[in-house]
């Protein structure tokens, strides 16, 4: 069985679906938005450690505590 990578939820219509591929989840969100006008969101369950570290260094989470301003990835 494939590992679930993302869960998509829509609070407006009480929808919850899980996906093993991020691309499929992204497509689902866009289709749902187009068809219903709802803004579904996703929760990512797992990213590669390097991706997580790069995101933290770039400051994508918005929290100063996990941002590395000396990193070439920093987008401050």
C-alpha atoms as a PDB file:
ATOM      1  CA  UNK A   1       0.000   0.000   0.000  1.00  0.00           C
ATOM      2  CA  UNK A   2       1.350   3.446  -0.931  1.00  0.00           C
ATOM      3  CA  UNK A   3       2.122   5.910   1.816  1.00  0.00           C
ATOM      4  CA  UNK A   4      -0.349   8.773   2.091  1.00  0.00           C
ATOM      5  CA  UNK A   5       1.504  12.030   1.401  1.00  0.00           C
ATOM      6  CA  UNK A   6      -1.289  14.593   1.755  1.00  0.00           C
ATOM      7  CA  UNK A   7      -4.768  15.048   3.160  1.00  0.00           C
ATOM      8  CA  UNK A   8      -7.066  17.560   1.465  1.00  0.00           C
ATOM      9  CA  UNK A   9      -9.942  19.063   3.427  1.00  0.00           C
ATOM     10  CA  UNK A  10     -12.695  21.499   2.569  1.00  0.00           C
ATOM     11  CA  UNK A  11     -14.457  22.979   5.587  1.00  0.00           C
ATOM     12  CA  UNK A  12     -17.270  24.358   3.438  1.00  0.00           C
ATOM     13  CA  UNK A  13     -18.526  20.943   2.318  1.00  0.00           C
ATOM     14  CA  UNK A  14     -16.965  18.701   4.997  1.00  0.00           C
ATOM     15  CA  UNK A  15     -14.780  16.911   2.432  1.00  0.00           C
ATOM     16  CA  UNK A  16     -11.656  14.962   3.404  1.00  0.00           C
ATOM     17  CA  UNK A  17      -9.545  12.921   0.966  1.00  0.00           C
ATOM     18  CA  UNK A  18      -6.058  11.461   1.219  1.00  0.00           C
ATOM     19  CA  UNK A  19      -3.545  11.128  -1.604  1.00  0.00           C
ATOM     20  CA  UNK A  20      -0.304   9.251  -2.122  1.00  0.00           C
ATOM     21  CA  UNK A  21       0.998  11.763  -4.691  1.00  0.00           C
ATOM     22  CA  UNK A  22       1.278  15.504  -4.139  1.00  0.00           C
ATOM     23  CA  UNK A  23       0.522  16.255  -7.789  1.00  0.00           C
ATOM     24  CA  UNK A  24      -2.795  14.410  -7.558  1.00  0.00           C
ATOM     25  CA  UNK A  25      -3.709  16.312  -4.383  1.00  0.00           C
ATOM     26  CA  UNK A  26      -2.823  19.623  -6.042  1.00  0.00           C
ATOM     27  CA  UNK A  27      -4.976  18.768  -9.079  1.00  0.00           C
ATOM     28  CA  UNK A  28      -7.861  17.783  -6.816  1.00  0.00           C
ATOM     29  CA  UNK A  29      -7.673  21.109  -4.945  1.00  0.00           C
ATOM     30  CA  UNK A  30      -7.731  23.093  -8.178  1.00  0.00           C
ATOM     31  CA  UNK A  31     -10.607  21.053  -9.629  1.00  0.00           C
ATOM     32  CA  UNK A  32     -12.591  21.427  -6.398  1.00  0.00           C
ATOM     33  CA  UNK A  33     -11.976  25.199  -6.394  1.00  0.00           C
ATOM     34  CA  UNK A  34     -13.065  25.488 -10.034  1.00  0.00           C
ATOM     35  CA  UNK A  35     -16.178  23.366  -9.616  1.00  0.00           C
ATOM     36  CA  UNK A  36     -17.390  24.655  -6.231  1.00  0.00           C
ATOM     37  CA  UNK A  37     -15.616  27.937  -5.524  1.00  0.00           C
ATOM     38  CA  UNK A  38     -14.421  26.462  -2.203  1.00  0.00           C
ATOM     39  CA  UNK A  39     -10.871  26.881  -0.931  1.00  0.00           C
ATOM     40  CA  UNK A  40      -9.780  23.399   0.060  1.00  0.00           C
ATOM     41  CA  UNK A  41      -6.490  23.094   1.914  1.00  0.00           C
ATOM     42  CA  UNK A  42      -3.975  20.334   2.355  1.00  0.00           C
ATOM     43  CA  UNK A  43      -1.816  18.919   5.084  1.00  0.00           C
ATOM     44  CA  UNK A  44       1.445  17.398   3.900  1.00  0.00           C
ATOM     45  CA  UNK A  45       2.380  14.321   5.890  1.00  0.00           C
ATOM     46  CA  UNK A  46       5.986  13.865   4.868  1.00  0.00           C
ATOM     47  CA  UNK A  47       8.619  15.629   2.820  1.00  0.00           C
ATOM     48  CA  UNK A  48      12.193  14.579   2.199  1.00  0.00           C
ATOM     49  CA  UNK A  49      14.480  15.838   4.982  1.00  0.00           C
ATOM     50  CA  UNK A  50      16.399  18.043   2.522  1.00  0.00           C
ATOM     51  CA  UNK A  51      13.182  19.687   1.348  1.00  0.00           C
ATOM     52  CA  UNK A  52      12.131  20.403   4.916  1.00  0.00           C
ATOM     53  CA  UNK A  53      15.543  21.858   5.769  1.00  0.00           C
ATOM     54  CA  UNK A  54      15.585  24.029   2.628  1.00  0.00           C
ATOM     55  CA  UNK A  55      12.096  25.337   3.423  1.00  0.00           C
ATOM     56  CA  UNK A  56      13.126  26.218   6.945  1.00  0.00           C
ATOM     57  CA  UNK A  57      16.282  27.968   5.773  1.00  0.00           C
ATOM     58  CA  UNK A  58      14.313  29.913   3.175  1.00  0.00           C
ATOM     59  CA  UNK A  59      11.881  31.096   5.845  1.00  0.00           C
ATOM     60  CA  UNK A  60       8.787  29.692   4.162  1.00  0.00           C
ATOM     61  CA  UNK A  61       7.102  28.872   7.473  1.00  0.00           C
ATOM     62  CA  UNK A  62       7.190  32.539   8.479  1.00  0.00           C
ATOM     63  CA  UNK A  63       8.563  31.861  11.961  1.00  0.00           C
ATOM     64  CA  UNK A  64      11.829  33.631  12.803  1.00  0.00           C
ATOM     65  CA  UNK A  65      12.830  30.735  15.070  1.00  0.00           C
ATOM     66  CA  UNK A  66      13.196  28.340  12.143  1.00  0.00           C
ATOM     67  CA  UNK A  67      14.723  30.762   9.628  1.00  0.00           C
ATOM     68  CA  UNK A  68      18.423  30.831   8.814  1.00  0.00           C
ATOM     69  CA  UNK A  69      19.119  34.342   7.521  1.00  0.00           C
ATOM     70  CA  UNK A  70      22.715  33.397   6.602  1.00  0.00           C
ATOM     71  CA  UNK A  71      21.489  30.699   4.204  1.00  0.00           C
ATOM     72  CA  UNK A  72      21.637  31.369   0.450  1.00  0.00           C
ATOM     73  CA  UNK A  73      18.040  30.066   0.403  1.00  0.00           C
ATOM     74  CA  UNK A  74      16.742  32.821   2.700  1.00  0.00           C
ATOM     75  CA  UNK A  75      13.946  34.801   1.029  1.00  0.00           C
ATOM     76  CA  UNK A  76      13.418  37.404   3.780  1.00  0.00           C
END
